[in-house]
Amino acid sequence: MEYLLRERSATVEDWYELTRVNFWRDDLLYAYLQDLYDYFYGDRQEPPESPDDVPPPDYEA
């Protein structure tokens, strides 16, 4: 996970193909992964919200 966060080698398309979890932009993917890393290995108390539960930026209902 550290390598992935450091190198940012995966795109949202790569991530979707591997996990079937959709992110709208690479920066959102990496922010989520950093939050997840902080939850597992750092001092974050709660897991990050699943991206499936978060509407895309600029979403209009």
C-alpha atoms as a PDB file:
ATOM      1  CA  MET A   1       0.000   0.000   0.000  1.00  0.00           C
ATOM      2  CA  GLU A   2       2.889   2.360   0.743  1.00  0.00           C
ATOM      3  CA  TYR A   3       4.266   1.768  -2.755  1.00  0.00           C
ATOM      4  CA  LEU A   4       0.889   2.455  -4.332  1.00  0.00           C
ATOM      5  CA  LEU A   5       0.474   5.681  -2.352  1.00  0.00           C
ATOM      6  CA  ARG A   6       4.016   6.811  -3.131  1.00  0.00           C
ATOM      7  CA  GLU A   7       4.063   5.952  -6.844  1.00  0.00           C
ATOM      8  CA  ARG A   8       0.375   6.575  -7.623  1.00  0.00           C
ATOM      9  CA  SER A   9       0.707   3.958 -10.326  1.00  0.00           C
ATOM     10  CA  ALA A  10      -2.957   2.904 -10.513  1.00  0.00           C
ATOM     11  CA  THR A  11      -5.682   4.862 -12.267  1.00  0.00           C
ATOM     12  CA  VAL A  12      -9.355   4.865 -11.372  1.00  0.00           C
ATOM     13  CA  GLU A  13      -9.884   2.552 -14.335  1.00  0.00           C
ATOM     14  CA  ASP A  14      -7.261   0.108 -13.013  1.00  0.00           C
ATOM     15  CA  TRP A  15      -8.818   0.214  -9.555  1.00  0.00           C
ATOM     16  CA  TYR A  16     -12.315  -0.410 -10.919  1.00  0.00           C
ATOM     17  CA  GLU A  17     -11.102  -3.346 -12.980  1.00  0.00           C
ATOM     18  CA  LEU A  18      -9.521  -4.912  -9.882  1.00  0.00           C
ATOM     19  CA  THR A  19     -12.171  -4.117  -7.280  1.00  0.00           C
ATOM     20  CA  ARG A  20     -15.355  -3.017  -9.088  1.00  0.00           C
ATOM     21  CA  VAL A  21     -15.305   0.090  -6.876  1.00  0.00           C
ATOM     22  CA  ASN A  22     -15.692   3.328  -8.805  1.00  0.00           C
ATOM     23  CA  PHE A  23     -13.899   6.595  -8.106  1.00  0.00           C
ATOM     24  CA  TRP A  24     -14.534   9.708 -10.147  1.00  0.00           C
ATOM     25  CA  ARG A  25     -10.949  11.005 -10.184  1.00  0.00           C
ATOM     26  CA  ASP A  26      -7.503   9.706  -9.325  1.00  0.00           C
ATOM     27  CA  ASP A  27      -7.102  12.235  -6.514  1.00  0.00           C
ATOM     28  CA  LEU A  28     -10.262  10.869  -4.849  1.00  0.00           C
ATOM     29  CA  LEU A  29      -8.910   7.332  -5.125  1.00  0.00           C
ATOM     30  CA  TYR A  30      -5.628   8.263  -3.508  1.00  0.00           C
ATOM     31  CA  ALA A  31      -7.285  10.319  -0.774  1.00  0.00           C
ATOM     32  CA  TYR A  32      -9.413   7.263   0.061  1.00  0.00           C
ATOM     33  CA  LEU A  33      -6.385   4.961   0.016  1.00  0.00           C
ATOM     34  CA  GLN A  34      -4.493   7.326   2.320  1.00  0.00           C
ATOM     35  CA  ASP A  35      -7.445   7.393   4.711  1.00  0.00           C
ATOM     36  CA  LEU A  36      -7.621   3.605   4.588  1.00  0.00           C
ATOM     37  CA  TYR A  37      -3.889   3.332   5.254  1.00  0.00           C
ATOM     38  CA  ASP A  38      -4.218   5.721   8.201  1.00  0.00           C
ATOM     39  CA  TYR A  39      -7.076   3.594   9.556  1.00  0.00           C
ATOM     40  CA  PHE A  40      -5.113   0.335   9.318  1.00  0.00           C
ATOM     41  CA  TYR A  41      -1.662   1.584  10.269  1.00  0.00           C
ATOM     42  CA  GLY A  42      -2.079   5.061  11.698  1.00  0.00           C
ATOM     43  CA  ASP A  43      -4.252   6.797  14.228  1.00  0.00           C
ATOM     44  CA  ARG A  44      -7.482   7.154  12.263  1.00  0.00           C
ATOM     45  CA  GLN A  45     -10.303   5.905  14.500  1.00  0.00           C
ATOM     46  CA  GLU A  46     -13.029   5.276  11.904  1.00  0.00           C
ATOM     47  CA  PRO A  47     -12.778   3.638   8.487  1.00  0.00           C
ATOM     48  CA  PRO A  48     -13.223   5.978   5.530  1.00  0.00           C
ATOM     49  CA  GLU A  49     -16.602   6.149   3.827  1.00  0.00           C
ATOM     50  CA  SER A  50     -17.053   3.711   1.014  1.00  0.00           C
ATOM     51  CA  PRO A  51     -16.813   5.532  -2.309  1.00  0.00           C
ATOM     52  CA  ASP A  52     -20.039   3.825  -3.341  1.00  0.00           C
ATOM     53  CA  ASP A  53     -21.775   5.863  -0.633  1.00  0.00           C
ATOM     54  CA  VAL A  54     -20.331   9.200  -1.715  1.00  0.00           C
ATOM     55  CA  PRO A  55     -21.852  11.001  -4.705  1.00  0.00           C
ATOM     56  CA  PRO A  56     -19.479  12.266  -7.373  1.00  0.00           C
ATOM     57  CA  PRO A  57     -18.181  15.820  -7.114  1.00  0.00           C
ATOM     58  CA  ASP A  58     -20.633  18.391  -8.468  1.00  0.00           C
ATOM     59  CA  TYR A  59     -23.464  15.818  -8.206  1.00  0.00           C
ATOM     60  CA  GLU A  60     -26.915  17.313  -8.610  1.00  0.00           C
ATOM     61  CA  ALA A  61     -29.812  15.225  -7.313  1.00  0.00           C
END
